[in-house]
Amino acid sequence: MEEILTLRIPSEIQQHLNRTPEELSRDLRLYAALMMFRLGKLSSGAAAELAGVPRVMFLDLCAEYGIAISPITPDDLRQEV
């Protein structure tokens, strides 16, 4: 089941961002999904579903936005090797 939420955005913001309502809606869903994944509130699969993209694409977007997809740090990896 899908829930419809309403978010009021001042028209000045929409104009400043130069986005249609549909584009802004898609952007906000993606940014919310990225942040919730980053904070550990959603799995990558759930975040991808929220963003409306396939999981592999979501993981690519995480890399694009500099969001780690694994809690293992480079130092942790060096120690394991």
PDB file of N, CA and C in Angstrom:
ATOM      1  N   MET A   1       0.845  -1.187   0.000  1.00  0.00           N
ATOM      2  CA  MET A   1       0.000   0.000   0.000  1.00  0.00           C
ATOM      3  C   MET A   1       0.883   1.240   0.000  1.00  0.00           C
ATOM      4  N   GLU A   2       0.513   2.203  -0.798  1.00  0.00           N
ATOM      5  CA  GLU A   2       1.247   3.452  -0.881  1.00  0.00           C
ATOM      6  C   GLU A   2       0.481   4.544  -0.178  1.00  0.00           C
ATOM      7  N   GLU A   3       1.202   5.376   0.520  1.00  0.00           N
ATOM      8  CA  GLU A   3       0.625   6.520   1.213  1.00  0.00           C
ATOM      9  C   GLU A   3       0.976   7.779   0.430  1.00  0.00           C
ATOM     10  N   ILE A   4       0.055   8.679   0.310  1.00  0.00           N
ATOM     11  CA  ILE A   4       0.316   9.955  -0.350  1.00  0.00           C
ATOM     12  C   ILE A   4       0.528  11.008   0.722  1.00  0.00           C
ATOM     13  N   LEU A   5       1.676  11.667   0.646  1.00  0.00           N
ATOM     14  CA  LEU A   5       2.007  12.745   1.573  1.00  0.00           C
ATOM     15  C   LEU A   5       2.028  14.058   0.811  1.00  0.00           C
ATOM     16  N   THR A   6       1.664  15.115   1.484  1.00  0.00           N
ATOM     17  CA  THR A   6       1.683  16.433   0.872  1.00  0.00           C
ATOM     18  C   THR A   6       2.767  17.264   1.550  1.00  0.00           C
ATOM     19  N   LEU A   7       3.593  17.875   0.731  1.00  0.00           N
ATOM     20  CA  LEU A   7       4.662  18.729   1.236  1.00  0.00           C
ATOM     21  C   LEU A   7       4.501  20.093   0.595  1.00  0.00           C
ATOM     22  N   ARG A   8       4.356  21.096   1.417  1.00  0.00           N
ATOM     23  CA  ARG A   8       4.186  22.453   0.893  1.00  0.00           C
ATOM     24  C   ARG A   8       5.561  23.072   0.666  1.00  0.00           C
ATOM     25  N   ILE A   9       5.781  23.511  -0.563  1.00  0.00           N
ATOM     26  CA  ILE A   9       7.055  24.124  -0.924  1.00  0.00           C
ATOM     27  C   ILE A   9       6.750  25.501  -1.495  1.00  0.00           C
ATOM     28  N   PRO A  10       7.362  26.522  -0.919  1.00  0.00           N
ATOM     29  CA  PRO A  10       7.113  27.872  -1.446  1.00  0.00           C
ATOM     30  C   PRO A  10       7.454  27.955  -2.936  1.00  0.00           C
ATOM     31  N   SER A  11       6.630  28.658  -3.682  1.00  0.00           N
ATOM     32  CA  SER A  11       6.837  28.757  -5.133  1.00  0.00           C
ATOM     33  C   SER A  11       8.194  29.379  -5.456  1.00  0.00           C
ATOM     34  N   GLU A  12       8.690  30.252  -4.563  1.00  0.00           N
ATOM     35  CA  GLU A  12       9.999  30.872  -4.801  1.00  0.00           C
ATOM     36  C   GLU A  12      11.108  29.816  -4.823  1.00  0.00           C
ATOM     37  N   ILE A  13      10.972  28.809  -3.956  1.00  0.00           N
ATOM     38  CA  ILE A  13      11.965  27.727  -3.899  1.00  0.00           C
ATOM     39  C   ILE A  13      11.911  26.919  -5.199  1.00  0.00           C
ATOM     40  N   GLN A  14      10.709  26.567  -5.616  1.00  0.00           N
ATOM     41  CA  GLN A  14      10.539  25.801  -6.847  1.00  0.00           C
ATOM     42  C   GLN A  14      11.110  26.586  -8.029  1.00  0.00           C
ATOM     43  N   GLN A  15      10.843  27.873  -8.087  1.00  0.00           N
ATOM     44  CA  GLN A  15      11.360  28.697  -9.173  1.00  0.00           C
ATOM     45  C   GLN A  15      12.877  28.803  -9.104  1.00  0.00           C
ATOM     46  N   HIS A  16      13.402  28.979  -7.897  1.00  0.00           N
ATOM     47  CA  HIS A  16      14.855  29.083  -7.718  1.00  0.00           C
ATOM     48  C   HIS A  16      15.550  27.807  -8.185  1.00  0.00           C
ATOM     49  N   LEU A  17      14.949  26.659  -7.891  1.00  0.00           N
ATOM     50  CA  LEU A  17      15.532  25.380  -8.287  1.00  0.00           C
ATOM     51  C   LEU A  17      15.265  25.050  -9.759  1.00  0.00           C
ATOM     52  N   ASN A  18      14.341  25.790 -10.365  1.00  0.00           N
ATOM     53  CA  ASN A  18      13.995  25.589 -11.771  1.00  0.00           C
ATOM     54  C   ASN A  18      13.593  24.137 -12.037  1.00  0.00           C
ATOM     55  N   ARG A  19      12.694  23.625 -11.198  1.00  0.00           N
ATOM     56  CA  ARG A  19      12.226  22.239 -11.317  1.00  0.00           C
ATOM     57  C   ARG A  19      10.706  22.236 -11.427  1.00  0.00           C
ATOM     58  N   THR A  20      10.188  21.315 -12.234  1.00  0.00           N
ATOM     59  CA  THR A  20       8.738  21.136 -12.297  1.00  0.00           C
ATOM     60  C   THR A  20       8.312  20.448 -10.996  1.00  0.00           C
ATOM     61  N   PRO A  21       7.032  20.474 -10.662  1.00  0.00           N
ATOM     62  CA  PRO A  21       6.583  19.760  -9.466  1.00  0.00           C
ATOM     63  C   PRO A  21       6.957  18.276  -9.496  1.00  0.00           C
ATOM     64  N   GLU A  22       6.865  17.655 -10.665  1.00  0.00           N
ATOM     65  CA  GLU A  22       7.221  16.242 -10.778  1.00  0.00           C
ATOM     66  C   GLU A  22       8.712  16.020 -10.534  1.00  0.00           C
ATOM     67  N   GLU A  23       9.545  16.881 -11.106  1.00  0.00           N
ATOM     68  CA  GLU A  23      11.001  16.767 -10.909  1.00  0.00           C
ATOM     69  C   GLU A  23      11.367  17.008  -9.448  1.00  0.00           C
ATOM     70  N   LEU A  24      10.754  18.001  -8.841  1.00  0.00           N
ATOM     71  CA  LEU A  24      11.026  18.311  -7.442  1.00  0.00           C
ATOM     72  C   LEU A  24      10.592  17.167  -6.543  1.00  0.00           C
ATOM     73  N   SER A  25       9.461  16.565  -6.833  1.00  0.00           N
ATOM     74  CA  SER A  25       8.989  15.418  -6.065  1.00  0.00           C
ATOM     75  C   SER A  25       9.981  14.266  -6.158  1.00  0.00           C
ATOM     76  N   ARG A  26      10.439  13.977  -7.370  1.00  0.00           N
ATOM     77  CA  ARG A  26      11.410  12.899  -7.582  1.00  0.00           C
ATOM     78  C   ARG A  26      12.723  13.198  -6.847  1.00  0.00           C
ATOM     79  N   ASP A  27      13.185  14.449  -6.934  1.00  0.00           N
ATOM     80  CA  ASP A  27      14.423  14.841  -6.245  1.00  0.00           C
ATOM     81  C   ASP A  27      14.297  14.669  -4.740  1.00  0.00           C
ATOM     82  N   LEU A  28      13.201  15.137  -4.179  1.00  0.00           N
ATOM     83  CA  LEU A  28      13.021  15.068  -2.727  1.00  0.00           C
ATOM     84  C   LEU A  28      12.925  13.627  -2.243  1.00  0.00           C
ATOM     85  N   ARG A  29      12.279  12.772  -3.020  1.00  0.00           N
ATOM     86  CA  ARG A  29      12.228  11.341  -2.656  1.00  0.00           C
ATOM     87  C   ARG A  29      13.626  10.742  -2.661  1.00  0.00           C
ATOM     88  N   LEU A  30      14.418  11.082  -3.679  1.00  0.00           N
ATOM     89  CA  LEU A  30      15.786  10.567  -3.756  1.00  0.00           C
ATOM     90  C   LEU A  30      16.621  11.075  -2.584  1.00  0.00           C
ATOM     91  N   TYR A  31      16.565  12.381  -2.327  1.00  0.00           N
ATOM     92  CA  TYR A  31      17.386  12.949  -1.249  1.00  0.00           C
ATOM     93  C   TYR A  31      16.974  12.394   0.114  1.00  0.00           C
ATOM     94  N   ALA A  32      15.683  12.203   0.320  1.00  0.00           N
ATOM     95  CA  ALA A  32      15.215  11.611   1.581  1.00  0.00           C
ATOM     96  C   ALA A  32      15.727  10.176   1.699  1.00  0.00           C
ATOM     97  N   ALA A  33      15.659   9.427   0.609  1.00  0.00           N
ATOM     98  CA  ALA A  33      16.131   8.043   0.627  1.00  0.00           C
ATOM     99  C   ALA A  33      17.628   7.978   0.900  1.00  0.00           C
ATOM    100  N   LEU A  34      18.405   8.839   0.252  1.00  0.00           N
ATOM    101  CA  LEU A  34      19.852   8.871   0.471  1.00  0.00           C
ATOM    102  C   LEU A  34      20.178   9.188   1.929  1.00  0.00           C
ATOM    103  N   MET A  35      19.501  10.164   2.494  1.00  0.00           N
ATOM    104  CA  MET A  35      19.785  10.558   3.877  1.00  0.00           C
ATOM    105  C   MET A  35      19.369   9.466   4.860  1.00  0.00           C
ATOM    106  N   MET A  36      18.209   8.865   4.647  1.00  0.00           N
ATOM    107  CA  MET A  36      17.758   7.806   5.553  1.00  0.00           C
ATOM    108  C   MET A  36      18.667   6.585   5.478  1.00  0.00           C
ATOM    109  N   PHE A  37      19.185   6.294   4.281  1.00  0.00           N
ATOM    110  CA  PHE A  37      20.146   5.205   4.140  1.00  0.00           C
ATOM    111  C   PHE A  37      21.441   5.563   4.852  1.00  0.00           C
ATOM    112  N   ARG A  38      21.927   6.775   4.639  1.00  0.00           N
ATOM    113  CA  ARG A  38      23.168   7.240   5.273  1.00  0.00           C
ATOM    114  C   ARG A  38      23.083   7.167   6.794  1.00  0.00           C
ATOM    115  N   LEU A  39      21.922   7.480   7.343  1.00  0.00           N
ATOM    116  CA  LEU A  39      21.720   7.467   8.791  1.00  0.00           C
ATOM    117  C   LEU A  39      21.418   6.073   9.328  1.00  0.00           C
ATOM    118  N   GLY A  40      21.297   5.095   8.441  1.00  0.00           N
ATOM    119  CA  GLY A  40      21.023   3.729   8.869  1.00  0.00           C
ATOM    120  C   GLY A  40      19.569   3.460   9.186  1.00  0.00           C
ATOM    121  N   LYS A  41      18.689   4.335   8.751  1.00  0.00           N
ATOM    122  CA  LYS A  41      17.259   4.166   9.022  1.00  0.00           C
ATOM    123  C   LYS A  41      16.587   3.256   8.006  1.00  0.00           C
ATOM    124  N   LEU A  42      17.179   3.152   6.798  1.00  0.00           N
ATOM    125  CA  LEU A  42      16.633   2.285   5.746  1.00  0.00           C
ATOM    126  C   LEU A  42      17.759   1.441   5.162  1.00  0.00           C
ATOM    127  N   SER A  43      17.424   0.229   4.776  1.00  0.00           N
ATOM    128  CA  SER A  43      18.363  -0.605   4.034  1.00  0.00           C
ATOM    129  C   SER A  43      18.492  -0.025   2.625  1.00  0.00           C
ATOM    130  N   SER A  44      19.488  -0.485   1.885  1.00  0.00           N
ATOM    131  CA  SER A  44      19.651   0.016   0.519  1.00  0.00           C
ATOM    132  C   SER A  44      18.445  -0.362  -0.345  1.00  0.00           C
ATOM    133  N   GLY A  45      17.880  -1.531  -0.108  1.00  0.00           N
ATOM    134  CA  GLY A  45      16.708  -1.943  -0.878  1.00  0.00           C
ATOM    135  C   GLY A  45      15.496  -1.076  -0.591  1.00  0.00           C
ATOM    136  N   ALA A  46      15.255  -0.804   0.689  1.00  0.00           N
ATOM    137  CA  ALA A  46      14.113   0.038   1.068  1.00  0.00           C
ATOM    138  C   ALA A  46      14.318   1.469   0.584  1.00  0.00           C
ATOM    139  N   ALA A  47      15.551   1.962   0.686  1.00  0.00           N
ATOM    140  CA  ALA A  47      15.846   3.322   0.229  1.00  0.00           C
ATOM    141  C   ALA A  47      15.666   3.418  -1.290  1.00  0.00           C
ATOM    142  N   ALA A  48      16.098   2.396  -2.007  1.00  0.00           N
ATOM    143  CA  ALA A  48      15.912   2.381  -3.458  1.00  0.00           C
ATOM    144  C   ALA A  48      14.425   2.409  -3.809  1.00  0.00           C
ATOM    145  N   GLU A  49      13.641   1.656  -3.053  1.00  0.00           N
ATOM    146  CA  GLU A  49      12.187   1.646  -3.281  1.00  0.00           C
ATOM    147  C   GLU A  49      11.597   3.027  -3.039  1.00  0.00           C
ATOM    148  N   LEU A  50      12.023   3.684  -1.953  1.00  0.00           N
ATOM    149  CA  LEU A  50      11.541   5.037  -1.666  1.00  0.00           C
ATOM    150  C   LEU A  50      11.935   5.997  -2.785  1.00  0.00           C
ATOM    151  N   ALA A  51      13.162   5.854  -3.272  1.00  0.00           N
ATOM    152  CA  ALA A  51      13.647   6.734  -4.340  1.00  0.00           C
ATOM    153  C   ALA A  51      13.014   6.419  -5.688  1.00  0.00           C
ATOM    154  N   GLY A  52      12.441   5.215  -5.804  1.00  0.00           N
ATOM    155  CA  GLY A  52      11.808   4.835  -7.063  1.00  0.00           C
ATOM    156  C   GLY A  52      12.795   4.407  -8.134  1.00  0.00           C
ATOM    157  N   VAL A  53      13.935   3.852  -7.698  1.00  0.00           N
ATOM    158  CA  VAL A  53      14.959   3.393  -8.643  1.00  0.00           C
ATOM    159  C   VAL A  53      15.382   1.977  -8.279  1.00  0.00           C
ATOM    160  N   PRO A  54      15.967   1.242  -9.232  1.00  0.00           N
ATOM    161  CA  PRO A  54      16.497  -0.085  -8.903  1.00  0.00           C
ATOM    162  C   PRO A  54      17.629   0.029  -7.874  1.00  0.00           C
ATOM    163  N   ARG A  55      17.822  -1.023  -7.084  1.00  0.00           N
ATOM    164  CA  ARG A  55      18.833  -1.018  -6.010  1.00  0.00           C
ATOM    165  C   ARG A  55      20.233  -0.723  -6.548  1.00  0.00           C
ATOM    166  N   VAL A  56      20.600  -1.319  -7.675  1.00  0.00           N
ATOM    167  CA  VAL A  56      21.934  -1.085  -8.248  1.00  0.00           C
ATOM    168  C   VAL A  56      22.107   0.390  -8.593  1.00  0.00           C
ATOM    169  N   MET A  57      21.083   1.006  -9.152  1.00  0.00           N
ATOM    170  CA  MET A  57      21.156   2.425  -9.477  1.00  0.00           C
ATOM    171  C   MET A  57      21.260   3.254  -8.197  1.00  0.00           C
ATOM    172  N   PHE A  58      20.536   2.851  -7.147  1.00  0.00           N
ATOM    173  CA  PHE A  58      20.612   3.566  -5.878  1.00  0.00           C
ATOM    174  C   PHE A  58      22.031   3.519  -5.323  1.00  0.00           C
ATOM    175  N   LEU A  59      22.663   2.350  -5.395  1.00  0.00           N
ATOM    176  CA  LEU A  59      24.035   2.221  -4.902  1.00  0.00           C
ATOM    177  C   LEU A  59      24.988   3.092  -5.725  1.00  0.00           C
ATOM    178  N   ASP A  60      24.767   3.188  -7.026  1.00  0.00           N
ATOM    179  CA  ASP A  60      25.564   4.090  -7.864  1.00  0.00           C
ATOM    180  C   ASP A  60      25.357   5.546  -7.441  1.00  0.00           C
ATOM    181  N   LEU A  61      24.113   5.895  -7.114  1.00  0.00           N
ATOM    182  CA  LEU A  61      23.822   7.254  -6.660  1.00  0.00           C
ATOM    183  C   LEU A  61      24.490   7.542  -5.322  1.00  0.00           C
ATOM    184  N   CYS A  62      24.559   6.541  -4.461  1.00  0.00           N
ATOM    185  CA  CYS A  62      25.273   6.715  -3.189  1.00  0.00           C
ATOM    186  C   CYS A  62      26.718   7.100  -3.458  1.00  0.00           C
ATOM    187  N   ALA A  63      27.351   6.398  -4.387  1.00  0.00           N
ATOM    188  CA  ALA A  63      28.742   6.711  -4.734  1.00  0.00           C
ATOM    189  C   ALA A  63      28.842   8.126  -5.304  1.00  0.00           C
ATOM    190  N   GLU A  64      27.894   8.488  -6.143  1.00  0.00           N
ATOM    191  CA  GLU A  64      27.890   9.822  -6.753  1.00  0.00           C
ATOM    192  C   GLU A  64      27.790  10.926  -5.695  1.00  0.00           C
ATOM    193  N   TYR A  65      27.021  10.659  -4.640  1.00  0.00           N
ATOM    194  CA  TYR A  65      26.826  11.646  -3.579  1.00  0.00           C
ATOM    195  C   TYR A  65      27.780  11.447  -2.399  1.00  0.00           C
ATOM    196  N   GLY A  66      28.731  10.531  -2.538  1.00  0.00           N
ATOM    197  CA  GLY A  66      29.734  10.328  -1.494  1.00  0.00           C
ATOM    198  C   GLY A  66      29.209   9.647  -0.247  1.00  0.00           C
ATOM    199  N   ILE A  67      28.202   8.815  -0.393  1.00  0.00           N
ATOM    200  CA  ILE A  67      27.616   8.104   0.741  1.00  0.00           C
ATOM    201  C   ILE A  67      28.156   6.678   0.755  1.00  0.00           C
ATOM    202  N   ALA A  68      28.818   6.314   1.850  1.00  0.00           N
ATOM    203  CA  ALA A  68      29.398   4.977   1.970  1.00  0.00           C
ATOM    204  C   ALA A  68      28.293   3.929   1.984  1.00  0.00           C
ATOM    205  N   ILE A  69      28.526   2.834   1.270  1.00  0.00           N
ATOM    206  CA  ILE A  69      27.529   1.768   1.253  1.00  0.00           C
ATOM    207  C   ILE A  69      27.900   0.635   2.194  1.00  0.00           C
ATOM    208  N   SER A  70      29.070   0.745   2.807  1.00  0.00           N
ATOM    209  CA  SER A  70      29.520  -0.284   3.744  1.00  0.00           C
ATOM    210  C   SER A  70      30.092   0.406   4.984  1.00  0.00           C
ATOM    211  N   PRO A  71      29.810  -0.154   6.164  1.00  0.00           N
ATOM    212  CA  PRO A  71      30.368   0.454   7.378  1.00  0.00           C
ATOM    213  C   PRO A  71      31.860   0.166   7.555  1.00  0.00           C
ATOM    214  N   ILE A  72      32.433  -0.658   6.673  1.00  0.00           N
ATOM    215  CA  ILE A  72      33.852  -1.000   6.769  1.00  0.00           C
ATOM    216  C   ILE A  72      34.679   0.161   6.230  1.00  0.00           C
ATOM    217  N   THR A  73      35.591   0.653   7.044  1.00  0.00           N
ATOM    218  CA  THR A  73      36.454   1.753   6.634  1.00  0.00           C
ATOM    219  C   THR A  73      37.682   1.196   5.914  1.00  0.00           C
ATOM    220  N   PRO A  74      38.380   2.023   5.165  1.00  0.00           N
ATOM    221  CA  PRO A  74      39.620   1.552   4.527  1.00  0.00           C
ATOM    222  C   PRO A  74      40.627   1.006   5.544  1.00  0.00           C
ATOM    223  N   ASP A  75      40.706   1.608   6.727  1.00  0.00           N
ATOM    224  CA  ASP A  75      41.613   1.116   7.772  1.00  0.00           C
ATOM    225  C   ASP A  75      41.198  -0.287   8.234  1.00  0.00           C
ATOM    226  N   ASP A  76      39.895  -0.497   8.402  1.00  0.00           N
ATOM    227  CA  ASP A  76      39.394  -1.820   8.791  1.00  0.00           C
ATOM    228  C   ASP A  76      39.801  -2.850   7.739  1.00  0.00           C
ATOM    229  N   LEU A  77      39.664  -2.480   6.485  1.00  0.00           N
ATOM    230  CA  LEU A  77      39.996  -3.401   5.401  1.00  0.00           C
ATOM    231  C   LEU A  77      41.484  -3.723   5.393  1.00  0.00           C
ATOM    232  N   ARG A  78      42.327  -2.709   5.595  1.00  0.00           N
ATOM    233  CA  ARG A  78      43.781  -2.951   5.657  1.00  0.00           C
ATOM    234  C   ARG A  78      44.134  -3.899   6.774  1.00  0.00           C
ATOM    235  N   GLN A  79      43.497  -3.738   7.928  1.00  0.00           N
ATOM    236  CA  GLN A  79      43.773  -4.614   9.066  1.00  0.00           C
ATOM    237  C   GLN A  79      43.357  -6.053   8.774  1.00  0.00           C
ATOM    238  N   GLU A  80      42.264  -6.227   8.066  1.00  0.00           N
ATOM    239  CA  GLU A  80      41.794  -7.568   7.718  1.00  0.00           C
ATOM    240  C   GLU A  80      42.742  -8.254   6.754  1.00  0.00           C
ATOM    241  N   VAL A  81      43.314  -7.489   5.843  1.00  0.00           N
ATOM    242  CA  VAL A  81      44.226  -8.051   4.843  1.00  0.00           C
ATOM    243  C   VAL A  81      45.545  -8.307   5.504  1.00  0.00           C
TER     244      VAL A  81
END
